[in-house]
Amino acid sequence: MAGLSYIRAGRAVGTSEVANGLSEQANDLSRQALEWQRELDADRHRTSVRIELTQSAEPLPFFLMVVGGEPVDPRPEPVHHCINLDVINGGQTEALTAPFIEESGEGSGRAGLDLTDNLPGRKDYELQPRQRCTKKVSASDLGFEPAGGFVAWGRLASGEEVRSEVGHPDEHLLNLVEKHNRGARPR
């Protein structure tokens, strides 16, 4: 008896053929697992931060001072047009530096507003997975006329830049703000 044999697919095969077949299957599974691990690692390290622009009408900061018992003005508070910058992290923890809103268009010298100017030490924003960071800025504080369009961008700690789509003022919202402020108390 030369060696053990097994019946496989209706024919007798030797143990070395069985071992070779198992070895090939193990190699295939190992190769597939390695490819899957590499894809998973790439997904984990892929930047998935996006910036979205929205717009809103917000009340202006207002300080009420009653002098001599005079009645308070019953008219509503004035509102202003705000641009909201939402930074959304869909991946792993990221650090965002220098969020910025500027005029859209090509060329250097575009006007804009650095949203870190009021932060001590120009602190980075650390974004945890699936976290949203929102900054609101009054359109009147931008340093440029937003009618021509505006774009927001930020730099990640890795050096990669993330940009929003170009935004344009919402005419309907601007009309509502103007209409509301006609009946509002003076600023």
N, C-alpha and C. Protein backbone atom coordinates (compact mmCIF):
# COMPACT_ATOMS: atom_id res chain seq x y z
N MET A 1 0.85 -1.17 0.00
CA MET A 1 0.00 0.00 0.00
C MET A 1 0.90 1.23 0.00
N ALA A 2 0.86 1.99 -1.07
CA ALA A 2 1.75 3.13 -1.26
C ALA A 2 1.40 4.29 -0.34
N GLY A 3 0.20 4.55 -0.08
CA GLY A 3 -0.22 5.65 0.79
C GLY A 3 -1.71 5.66 0.93
N LEU A 4 -2.19 6.48 1.83
CA LEU A 4 -3.63 6.58 2.02
C LEU A 4 -4.24 7.30 0.83
N SER A 5 -5.45 6.94 0.52
CA SER A 5 -6.14 7.64 -0.56
C SER A 5 -7.55 7.98 -0.09
N TYR A 6 -8.10 9.03 -0.65
CA TYR A 6 -9.44 9.49 -0.32
C TYR A 6 -10.26 9.55 -1.59
N ILE A 7 -11.54 9.47 -1.42
CA ILE A 7 -12.43 9.58 -2.57
C ILE A 7 -12.84 11.04 -2.67
N ARG A 8 -12.58 11.66 -3.81
CA ARG A 8 -12.95 13.06 -4.00
C ARG A 8 -13.55 13.18 -5.39
N ALA A 9 -14.75 13.68 -5.45
CA ALA A 9 -15.48 13.84 -6.71
C ALA A 9 -15.50 12.55 -7.51
N GLY A 10 -15.70 11.45 -6.80
CA GLY A 10 -15.85 10.16 -7.46
C GLY A 10 -14.56 9.49 -7.88
N ARG A 11 -13.41 10.08 -7.55
CA ARG A 11 -12.18 9.40 -7.89
C ARG A 11 -11.25 9.39 -6.68
N ALA A 12 -10.37 8.45 -6.66
CA ALA A 12 -9.44 8.31 -5.53
C ALA A 12 -8.31 9.31 -5.70
N VAL A 13 -7.99 10.03 -4.60
CA VAL A 13 -6.87 10.99 -4.62
C VAL A 13 -5.97 10.67 -3.44
N GLY A 14 -4.69 10.99 -3.57
CA GLY A 14 -3.73 10.75 -2.50
C GLY A 14 -3.74 11.88 -1.49
N THR A 15 -3.13 11.63 -0.34
CA THR A 15 -3.09 12.63 0.72
C THR A 15 -2.33 13.87 0.30
N SER A 16 -1.33 13.76 -0.53
CA SER A 16 -0.57 14.94 -0.97
C SER A 16 -1.45 15.85 -1.84
N GLU A 17 -2.33 15.28 -2.64
CA GLU A 17 -3.25 16.10 -3.43
C GLU A 17 -4.23 16.82 -2.54
N VAL A 18 -4.70 16.15 -1.49
CA VAL A 18 -5.62 16.78 -0.53
C VAL A 18 -4.90 17.93 0.17
N ALA A 19 -3.69 17.68 0.61
CA ALA A 19 -2.92 18.72 1.29
C ALA A 19 -2.66 19.90 0.37
N ASN A 20 -2.33 19.65 -0.89
CA ASN A 20 -2.11 20.74 -1.85
C ASN A 20 -3.39 21.55 -2.06
N GLY A 21 -4.52 20.88 -2.13
CA GLY A 21 -5.80 21.57 -2.30
C GLY A 21 -6.13 22.44 -1.10
N LEU A 22 -5.89 21.91 0.11
CA LEU A 22 -6.14 22.70 1.32
C LEU A 22 -5.19 23.88 1.39
N SER A 23 -3.96 23.67 0.99
CA SER A 23 -2.98 24.74 1.00
C SER A 23 -3.38 25.87 0.05
N GLU A 24 -3.87 25.51 -1.13
CA GLU A 24 -4.32 26.52 -2.09
C GLU A 24 -5.51 27.31 -1.53
N GLN A 25 -6.46 26.61 -0.90
CA GLN A 25 -7.62 27.29 -0.30
C GLN A 25 -7.17 28.22 0.82
N ALA A 26 -6.23 27.78 1.64
CA ALA A 26 -5.72 28.62 2.73
C ALA A 26 -5.02 29.86 2.17
N ASN A 27 -4.26 29.70 1.11
CA ASN A 27 -3.60 30.84 0.47
C ASN A 27 -4.62 31.84 -0.07
N ASP A 28 -5.67 31.33 -0.72
CA ASP A 28 -6.72 32.20 -1.25
C ASP A 28 -7.41 32.99 -0.13
N LEU A 29 -7.77 32.30 0.95
CA LEU A 29 -8.42 32.96 2.08
C LEU A 29 -7.49 34.00 2.71
N SER A 30 -6.23 33.67 2.84
CA SER A 30 -5.25 34.59 3.41
C SER A 30 -5.12 35.85 2.54
N ARG A 31 -5.05 35.67 1.23
CA ARG A 31 -4.95 36.78 0.29
C ARG A 31 -6.19 37.67 0.37
N GLN A 32 -7.37 37.05 0.43
CA GLN A 32 -8.63 37.81 0.54
C GLN A 32 -8.67 38.59 1.86
N ALA A 33 -8.24 37.97 2.95
CA ALA A 33 -8.25 38.65 4.25
C ALA A 33 -7.29 39.83 4.25
N LEU A 34 -6.13 39.69 3.62
CA LEU A 34 -5.17 40.79 3.54
C LEU A 34 -5.73 41.94 2.72
N GLU A 35 -6.37 41.64 1.59
CA GLU A 35 -6.99 42.69 0.77
C GLU A 35 -8.09 43.41 1.56
N TRP A 36 -8.89 42.65 2.27
CA TRP A 36 -9.97 43.25 3.07
C TRP A 36 -9.38 44.15 4.16
N GLN A 37 -8.30 43.71 4.82
CA GLN A 37 -7.67 44.51 5.86
C GLN A 37 -7.09 45.80 5.29
N ARG A 38 -6.48 45.73 4.12
CA ARG A 38 -5.93 46.94 3.48
C ARG A 38 -7.04 47.92 3.12
N GLU A 39 -8.16 47.42 2.59
CA GLU A 39 -9.30 48.30 2.28
C GLU A 39 -9.85 48.95 3.54
N LEU A 40 -9.95 48.18 4.61
CA LEU A 40 -10.45 48.71 5.89
C LEU A 40 -9.52 49.79 6.42
N ASP A 41 -8.21 49.55 6.37
CA ASP A 41 -7.24 50.55 6.82
C ASP A 41 -7.32 51.81 5.97
N ALA A 42 -7.46 51.65 4.66
CA ALA A 42 -7.58 52.82 3.78
C ALA A 42 -8.84 53.62 4.11
N ASP A 43 -9.95 52.93 4.35
CA ASP A 43 -11.19 53.62 4.73
C ASP A 43 -11.02 54.36 6.05
N ARG A 44 -10.34 53.74 6.98
CA ARG A 44 -10.13 54.35 8.29
C ARG A 44 -9.31 55.62 8.20
N HIS A 45 -8.36 55.65 7.29
CA HIS A 45 -7.47 56.80 7.18
C HIS A 45 -7.90 57.80 6.12
N ARG A 46 -8.98 57.52 5.42
CA ARG A 46 -9.49 58.42 4.40
C ARG A 46 -10.18 59.60 5.09
N THR A 47 -9.89 60.79 4.62
CA THR A 47 -10.53 61.99 5.16
C THR A 47 -11.97 62.03 4.69
N SER A 48 -12.86 62.26 5.63
CA SER A 48 -14.27 62.32 5.29
C SER A 48 -14.90 63.55 5.95
N VAL A 49 -14.21 64.69 5.83
CA VAL A 49 -14.71 65.94 6.40
C VAL A 49 -15.32 66.74 5.26
N ARG A 50 -16.48 67.32 5.51
CA ARG A 50 -17.11 68.17 4.50
C ARG A 50 -17.59 69.46 5.17
N ILE A 51 -17.69 70.50 4.38
CA ILE A 51 -18.16 71.80 4.86
C ILE A 51 -19.43 72.15 4.10
N GLU A 52 -20.45 72.50 4.83
CA GLU A 52 -21.72 72.92 4.23
C GLU A 52 -22.03 74.34 4.67
N LEU A 53 -22.65 75.10 3.79
CA LEU A 53 -23.08 76.45 4.10
C LEU A 53 -24.60 76.50 4.15
N THR A 54 -25.13 77.09 5.20
CA THR A 54 -26.56 77.35 5.29
C THR A 54 -26.73 78.82 5.68
N GLN A 55 -27.95 79.30 5.63
CA GLN A 55 -28.22 80.69 5.97
C GLN A 55 -29.41 80.76 6.92
N SER A 56 -29.39 81.79 7.76
CA SER A 56 -30.49 81.95 8.72
C SER A 56 -30.65 83.43 9.05
N ALA A 57 -31.73 83.74 9.73
CA ALA A 57 -31.98 85.08 10.26
C ALA A 57 -31.90 84.96 11.78
N GLU A 58 -31.01 85.73 12.39
CA GLU A 58 -30.78 85.65 13.83
C GLU A 58 -31.02 87.01 14.46
N PRO A 59 -31.51 87.04 15.71
CA PRO A 59 -31.67 88.33 16.39
C PRO A 59 -30.31 88.98 16.63
N LEU A 60 -30.30 90.29 16.52
CA LEU A 60 -29.09 91.03 16.83
C LEU A 60 -28.90 91.03 18.34
N PRO A 61 -27.65 91.08 18.79
CA PRO A 61 -27.44 91.21 20.24
C PRO A 61 -28.09 92.51 20.72
N PHE A 62 -28.82 92.42 21.80
CA PHE A 62 -29.59 93.58 22.26
C PHE A 62 -29.48 93.69 23.77
N PHE A 63 -29.19 94.88 24.25
CA PHE A 63 -29.12 95.12 25.69
C PHE A 63 -30.26 96.06 26.05
N LEU A 64 -31.06 95.65 27.00
CA LEU A 64 -32.22 96.43 27.42
C LEU A 64 -31.86 97.20 28.68
N MET A 65 -32.11 98.52 28.63
CA MET A 65 -31.85 99.33 29.80
C MET A 65 -33.10 100.17 30.05
N VAL A 66 -33.68 99.99 31.19
CA VAL A 66 -34.87 100.76 31.55
C VAL A 66 -34.42 101.95 32.37
N VAL A 67 -34.75 103.14 31.88
CA VAL A 67 -34.35 104.37 32.56
C VAL A 67 -35.60 105.11 33.00
N GLY A 68 -35.69 105.37 34.28
CA GLY A 68 -36.79 106.17 34.81
C GLY A 68 -38.17 105.58 34.62
N GLY A 69 -38.26 104.28 34.51
CA GLY A 69 -39.55 103.63 34.42
C GLY A 69 -40.27 103.83 33.10
N GLU A 70 -39.56 104.21 32.04
CA GLU A 70 -40.20 104.39 30.74
C GLU A 70 -40.64 103.03 30.21
N PRO A 71 -41.74 102.98 29.46
CA PRO A 71 -42.20 101.70 28.91
C PRO A 71 -41.22 101.17 27.87
N VAL A 72 -41.13 99.86 27.82
CA VAL A 72 -40.25 99.19 26.86
C VAL A 72 -40.93 99.19 25.49
N ASP A 73 -40.15 99.41 24.46
CA ASP A 73 -40.67 99.42 23.09
C ASP A 73 -41.25 98.05 22.77
N PRO A 74 -42.54 97.96 22.40
CA PRO A 74 -43.17 96.65 22.16
C PRO A 74 -42.82 96.02 20.80
N ARG A 75 -42.11 96.73 19.95
CA ARG A 75 -41.78 96.18 18.64
C ARG A 75 -40.76 95.05 18.77
N PRO A 76 -40.75 94.13 17.80
CA PRO A 76 -39.82 92.98 17.91
C PRO A 76 -38.36 93.40 17.72
N GLU A 77 -37.48 92.52 18.15
CA GLU A 77 -36.04 92.74 18.00
C GLU A 77 -35.68 92.68 16.51
N PRO A 78 -34.71 93.49 16.08
CA PRO A 78 -34.25 93.37 14.69
C PRO A 78 -33.47 92.06 14.50
N VAL A 79 -33.42 91.58 13.27
CA VAL A 79 -32.67 90.36 12.95
C VAL A 79 -31.65 90.69 11.87
N HIS A 80 -30.68 89.82 11.69
CA HIS A 80 -29.70 90.00 10.63
C HIS A 80 -29.47 88.69 9.90
N HIS A 81 -28.96 88.82 8.70
CA HIS A 81 -28.70 87.68 7.82
C HIS A 81 -27.40 87.01 8.28
N CYS A 82 -27.46 85.73 8.58
CA CYS A 82 -26.28 84.97 9.02
C CYS A 82 -25.93 83.89 8.02
N ILE A 83 -24.66 83.65 7.90
CA ILE A 83 -24.16 82.51 7.12
C ILE A 83 -23.60 81.52 8.13
N ASN A 84 -24.07 80.29 8.04
CA ASN A 84 -23.67 79.24 8.98
C ASN A 84 -22.73 78.28 8.28
N LEU A 85 -21.59 78.07 8.88
CA LEU A 85 -20.59 77.15 8.36
C LEU A 85 -20.66 75.89 9.21
N ASP A 86 -21.05 74.78 8.61
CA ASP A 86 -21.12 73.49 9.30
C ASP A 86 -20.00 72.60 8.79
N VAL A 87 -19.13 72.19 9.70
CA VAL A 87 -18.05 71.26 9.37
C VAL A 87 -18.45 69.91 9.93
N ILE A 88 -18.58 68.91 9.06
CA ILE A 88 -19.07 67.59 9.47
C ILE A 88 -17.98 66.56 9.22
N ASN A 89 -17.66 65.80 10.26
CA ASN A 89 -16.64 64.77 10.17
C ASN A 89 -17.31 63.42 10.06
N GLY A 90 -17.17 62.76 8.92
CA GLY A 90 -17.76 61.44 8.73
C GLY A 90 -16.77 60.32 8.94
N GLY A 91 -15.52 60.66 9.31
CA GLY A 91 -14.49 59.63 9.47
C GLY A 91 -13.92 59.61 10.87
N GLN A 92 -12.62 59.38 10.94
CA GLN A 92 -11.92 59.31 12.22
C GLN A 92 -11.68 60.72 12.75
N THR A 93 -11.15 60.82 13.97
CA THR A 93 -10.89 62.11 14.60
C THR A 93 -9.99 62.95 13.70
N GLU A 94 -10.38 64.20 13.48
CA GLU A 94 -9.62 65.13 12.65
C GLU A 94 -9.46 66.44 13.41
N ALA A 95 -8.44 67.21 13.09
CA ALA A 95 -8.26 68.54 13.64
C ALA A 95 -8.36 69.54 12.50
N LEU A 96 -9.25 70.52 12.65
CA LEU A 96 -9.47 71.54 11.64
C LEU A 96 -8.80 72.81 12.10
N THR A 97 -7.98 73.39 11.23
CA THR A 97 -7.36 74.67 11.53
C THR A 97 -7.87 75.67 10.51
N ALA A 98 -7.90 76.91 10.90
CA ALA A 98 -8.20 78.03 10.00
C ALA A 98 -9.49 77.91 9.21
N PRO A 99 -10.66 77.78 9.85
CA PRO A 99 -11.89 77.89 9.06
C PRO A 99 -12.01 79.31 8.52
N PHE A 100 -12.44 79.44 7.29
CA PHE A 100 -12.39 80.72 6.59
C PHE A 100 -13.56 80.82 5.63
N ILE A 101 -14.15 82.00 5.52
CA ILE A 101 -15.19 82.27 4.51
C ILE A 101 -14.65 83.39 3.64
N GLU A 102 -14.72 83.21 2.31
CA GLU A 102 -14.21 84.23 1.41
C GLU A 102 -15.10 84.36 0.19
N GLU A 103 -14.83 85.44 -0.58
CA GLU A 103 -15.54 85.63 -1.84
C GLU A 103 -15.25 84.46 -2.76
N SER A 104 -16.23 84.06 -3.54
CA SER A 104 -15.96 83.02 -4.53
C SER A 104 -15.34 83.70 -5.74
N GLY A 105 -14.72 82.93 -6.58
CA GLY A 105 -14.08 83.47 -7.77
C GLY A 105 -12.61 83.16 -7.77
N GLU A 106 -11.98 83.45 -8.87
CA GLU A 106 -10.56 83.15 -9.05
C GLU A 106 -9.72 84.37 -8.71
N GLY A 107 -8.46 84.14 -8.48
CA GLY A 107 -7.51 85.22 -8.28
C GLY A 107 -7.15 85.42 -6.82
N SER A 108 -6.06 86.10 -6.61
CA SER A 108 -5.61 86.36 -5.24
C SER A 108 -6.21 87.68 -4.78
N GLY A 109 -6.09 87.92 -3.52
CA GLY A 109 -6.60 89.17 -2.97
C GLY A 109 -8.08 89.17 -2.72
N ARG A 110 -8.69 87.99 -2.68
CA ARG A 110 -10.12 87.94 -2.38
C ARG A 110 -10.33 88.31 -0.92
N ALA A 111 -11.41 89.03 -0.67
CA ALA A 111 -11.74 89.40 0.70
C ALA A 111 -12.35 88.21 1.42
N GLY A 112 -12.18 88.17 2.72
CA GLY A 112 -12.73 87.08 3.48
C GLY A 112 -12.65 87.31 4.97
N LEU A 113 -13.07 86.34 5.71
CA LEU A 113 -13.09 86.44 7.17
C LEU A 113 -12.52 85.16 7.75
N ASP A 114 -11.46 85.30 8.54
CA ASP A 114 -10.86 84.17 9.24
C ASP A 114 -11.67 83.97 10.52
N LEU A 115 -12.28 82.81 10.66
CA LEU A 115 -13.17 82.57 11.79
C LEU A 115 -12.42 82.19 13.07
N THR A 116 -11.09 82.17 13.03
CA THR A 116 -10.33 81.87 14.24
C THR A 116 -9.80 83.15 14.89
N ASP A 117 -10.06 84.31 14.29
CA ASP A 117 -9.52 85.56 14.82
C ASP A 117 -9.88 85.81 16.28
N ASN A 118 -11.04 85.35 16.70
CA ASN A 118 -11.47 85.61 18.08
C ASN A 118 -11.10 84.47 19.03
N LEU A 119 -10.30 83.52 18.56
CA LEU A 119 -9.91 82.41 19.42
C LEU A 119 -8.50 82.64 19.95
N PRO A 120 -8.30 82.47 21.28
CA PRO A 120 -6.96 82.67 21.82
C PRO A 120 -6.02 81.58 21.29
N GLY A 121 -4.85 82.00 20.82
CA GLY A 121 -3.85 81.05 20.36
C GLY A 121 -4.21 80.33 19.08
N ARG A 122 -5.19 80.82 18.33
CA ARG A 122 -5.61 80.20 17.07
C ARG A 122 -5.79 78.71 17.21
N LYS A 123 -6.58 78.33 18.16
CA LYS A 123 -6.86 76.93 18.51
C LYS A 123 -7.46 76.15 17.34
N ASP A 124 -7.08 74.89 17.25
CA ASP A 124 -7.68 73.98 16.27
C ASP A 124 -9.01 73.49 16.82
N TYR A 125 -9.90 73.12 15.91
CA TYR A 125 -11.15 72.48 16.29
C TYR A 125 -10.94 70.98 16.16
N GLU A 126 -11.05 70.24 17.24
CA GLU A 126 -10.93 68.79 17.14
C GLU A 126 -12.31 68.22 16.89
N LEU A 127 -12.44 67.48 15.80
CA LEU A 127 -13.71 66.90 15.40
C LEU A 127 -13.67 65.40 15.62
N GLN A 128 -14.51 64.93 16.50
CA GLN A 128 -14.62 63.50 16.75
C GLN A 128 -15.41 62.86 15.59
N PRO A 129 -15.35 61.53 15.46
CA PRO A 129 -16.13 60.88 14.40
C PRO A 129 -17.61 61.24 14.50
N ARG A 130 -18.21 61.56 13.36
CA ARG A 130 -19.62 61.91 13.22
C ARG A 130 -19.99 63.16 14.03
N GLN A 131 -19.04 64.05 14.26
CA GLN A 131 -19.31 65.29 14.98
C GLN A 131 -19.48 66.44 14.00
N ARG A 132 -20.27 67.43 14.41
CA ARG A 132 -20.53 68.62 13.61
C ARG A 132 -20.07 69.83 14.42
N CYS A 133 -19.38 70.74 13.77
CA CYS A 133 -18.95 72.01 14.37
C CYS A 133 -19.61 73.12 13.56
N THR A 134 -20.29 74.03 14.23
CA THR A 134 -21.01 75.10 13.54
C THR A 134 -20.49 76.45 13.97
N LYS A 135 -20.22 77.32 13.01
CA LYS A 135 -19.86 78.71 13.27
C LYS A 135 -20.86 79.58 12.53
N LYS A 136 -21.41 80.57 13.22
CA LYS A 136 -22.33 81.52 12.60
C LYS A 136 -21.62 82.85 12.48
N VAL A 137 -21.82 83.49 11.33
CA VAL A 137 -21.23 84.80 11.13
C VAL A 137 -22.27 85.68 10.44
N SER A 138 -22.37 86.91 10.91
CA SER A 138 -23.29 87.85 10.28
C SER A 138 -22.74 88.22 8.91
N ALA A 139 -23.61 88.26 7.92
CA ALA A 139 -23.18 88.60 6.57
C ALA A 139 -22.56 90.00 6.54
N SER A 140 -22.98 90.87 7.45
CA SER A 140 -22.41 92.22 7.48
C SER A 140 -20.99 92.23 8.04
N ASP A 141 -20.55 91.16 8.70
CA ASP A 141 -19.20 91.09 9.26
C ASP A 141 -18.20 90.42 8.32
N LEU A 142 -18.62 90.00 7.14
CA LEU A 142 -17.75 89.25 6.25
C LEU A 142 -16.59 90.06 5.68
N GLY A 143 -16.76 91.36 5.53
CA GLY A 143 -15.71 92.17 4.93
C GLY A 143 -15.81 92.22 3.42
N PHE A 144 -16.86 91.65 2.86
CA PHE A 144 -17.11 91.71 1.43
C PHE A 144 -18.61 91.56 1.22
N GLU A 145 -19.05 91.92 0.02
CA GLU A 145 -20.47 91.81 -0.33
C GLU A 145 -20.73 90.38 -0.79
N PRO A 146 -21.56 89.61 -0.06
CA PRO A 146 -21.77 88.21 -0.40
C PRO A 146 -22.62 87.97 -1.66
N ALA A 147 -23.15 89.03 -2.27
CA ALA A 147 -24.03 88.85 -3.42
C ALA A 147 -23.33 88.12 -4.57
N GLY A 148 -22.01 88.29 -4.70
CA GLY A 148 -21.28 87.63 -5.77
C GLY A 148 -20.96 86.17 -5.49
N GLY A 149 -21.33 85.69 -4.33
CA GLY A 149 -21.06 84.30 -3.96
C GLY A 149 -19.97 84.23 -2.91
N PHE A 150 -19.97 83.15 -2.17
CA PHE A 150 -18.99 82.95 -1.11
C PHE A 150 -18.72 81.47 -0.97
N VAL A 151 -17.55 81.17 -0.43
CA VAL A 151 -17.14 79.78 -0.25
C VAL A 151 -16.46 79.68 1.12
N ALA A 152 -16.64 78.55 1.78
CA ALA A 152 -15.97 78.32 3.07
C ALA A 152 -14.94 77.22 2.87
N TRP A 153 -13.85 77.33 3.58
CA TRP A 153 -12.83 76.29 3.51
C TRP A 153 -12.10 76.20 4.83
N GLY A 154 -11.46 75.11 5.02
CA GLY A 154 -10.66 74.91 6.22
C GLY A 154 -9.50 73.98 5.89
N ARG A 155 -8.49 74.05 6.71
CA ARG A 155 -7.32 73.19 6.52
C ARG A 155 -7.30 72.17 7.66
N LEU A 156 -7.13 70.91 7.30
CA LEU A 156 -7.01 69.86 8.31
C LEU A 156 -5.57 69.83 8.80
N ALA A 157 -5.35 69.24 9.96
CA ALA A 157 -4.00 69.17 10.52
C ALA A 157 -3.05 68.44 9.57
N SER A 158 -3.58 67.58 8.73
CA SER A 158 -2.76 66.85 7.75
C SER A 158 -2.28 67.75 6.62
N GLY A 159 -2.83 68.97 6.52
CA GLY A 159 -2.48 69.90 5.45
C GLY A 159 -3.49 69.91 4.32
N GLU A 160 -4.38 68.94 4.29
CA GLU A 160 -5.40 68.86 3.24
C GLU A 160 -6.43 69.98 3.43
N GLU A 161 -6.85 70.60 2.32
CA GLU A 161 -7.89 71.62 2.38
C GLU A 161 -9.24 71.01 2.04
N VAL A 162 -10.26 71.45 2.76
CA VAL A 162 -11.63 71.02 2.53
C VAL A 162 -12.43 72.27 2.18
N ARG A 163 -13.21 72.22 1.08
CA ARG A 163 -13.96 73.39 0.63
C ARG A 163 -15.44 73.07 0.50
N SER A 164 -16.24 74.10 0.73
CA SER A 164 -17.68 73.97 0.53
C SER A 164 -18.00 74.26 -0.94
N GLU A 165 -19.23 74.02 -1.30
CA GLU A 165 -19.70 74.48 -2.61
C GLU A 165 -19.91 75.99 -2.51
N VAL A 166 -19.97 76.67 -3.63
CA VAL A 166 -20.19 78.11 -3.64
C VAL A 166 -21.61 78.38 -3.17
N GLY A 167 -21.74 79.31 -2.23
CA GLY A 167 -23.05 79.72 -1.74
C GLY A 167 -23.41 81.10 -2.27
N HIS A 168 -24.70 81.35 -2.37
CA HIS A 168 -25.21 82.66 -2.79
C HIS A 168 -26.28 83.07 -1.79
N PRO A 169 -26.42 84.37 -1.55
CA PRO A 169 -27.45 84.82 -0.62
C PRO A 169 -28.84 84.33 -1.02
N ASP A 170 -29.59 83.90 -0.03
CA ASP A 170 -30.96 83.43 -0.24
C ASP A 170 -31.86 84.67 -0.32
N GLU A 171 -32.30 84.99 -1.52
CA GLU A 171 -33.09 86.21 -1.75
C GLU A 171 -34.38 86.21 -0.93
N HIS A 172 -35.02 85.07 -0.82
CA HIS A 172 -36.25 84.99 -0.03
C HIS A 172 -35.96 85.34 1.43
N LEU A 173 -34.89 84.79 1.99
CA LEU A 173 -34.51 85.09 3.37
C LEU A 173 -34.16 86.56 3.54
N LEU A 174 -33.42 87.13 2.59
CA LEU A 174 -33.07 88.55 2.67
C LEU A 174 -34.32 89.43 2.66
N ASN A 175 -35.31 89.06 1.83
CA ASN A 175 -36.56 89.82 1.79
C ASN A 175 -37.31 89.72 3.12
N LEU A 176 -37.30 88.53 3.72
CA LEU A 176 -37.96 88.37 5.03
C LEU A 176 -37.27 89.19 6.11
N VAL A 177 -35.94 89.21 6.11
CA VAL A 177 -35.18 90.01 7.08
C VAL A 177 -35.51 91.48 6.92
N GLU A 178 -35.50 91.95 5.66
CA GLU A 178 -35.80 93.37 5.40
C GLU A 178 -37.22 93.71 5.85
N LYS A 179 -38.18 92.87 5.52
CA LYS A 179 -39.57 93.11 5.91
C LYS A 179 -39.72 93.12 7.43
N HIS A 180 -39.09 92.17 8.10
CA HIS A 180 -39.17 92.10 9.57
C HIS A 180 -38.56 93.35 10.19
N ASN A 181 -37.39 93.77 9.69
CA ASN A 181 -36.68 94.91 10.31
C ASN A 181 -37.37 96.23 10.06
N ARG A 182 -38.25 96.34 9.06
CA ARG A 182 -39.02 97.57 8.88
C ARG A 182 -39.94 97.83 10.06
N GLY A 183 -40.43 96.76 10.68
CA GLY A 183 -41.33 96.91 11.83
C GLY A 183 -40.65 96.69 13.16
N ALA A 184 -39.35 96.49 13.16
CA ALA A 184 -38.62 96.20 14.40
C ALA A 184 -38.20 97.48 15.10
N ARG A 185 -37.86 97.37 16.38
CA ARG A 185 -37.36 98.55 17.10
C ARG A 185 -36.01 98.95 16.54
N PRO A 186 -35.66 100.21 16.68
CA PRO A 186 -34.39 100.69 16.12
C PRO A 186 -33.20 100.01 16.83
N ARG A 187 -32.11 99.91 16.09
CA ARG A 187 -30.90 99.30 16.64
C ARG A 187 -30.13 100.25 17.49
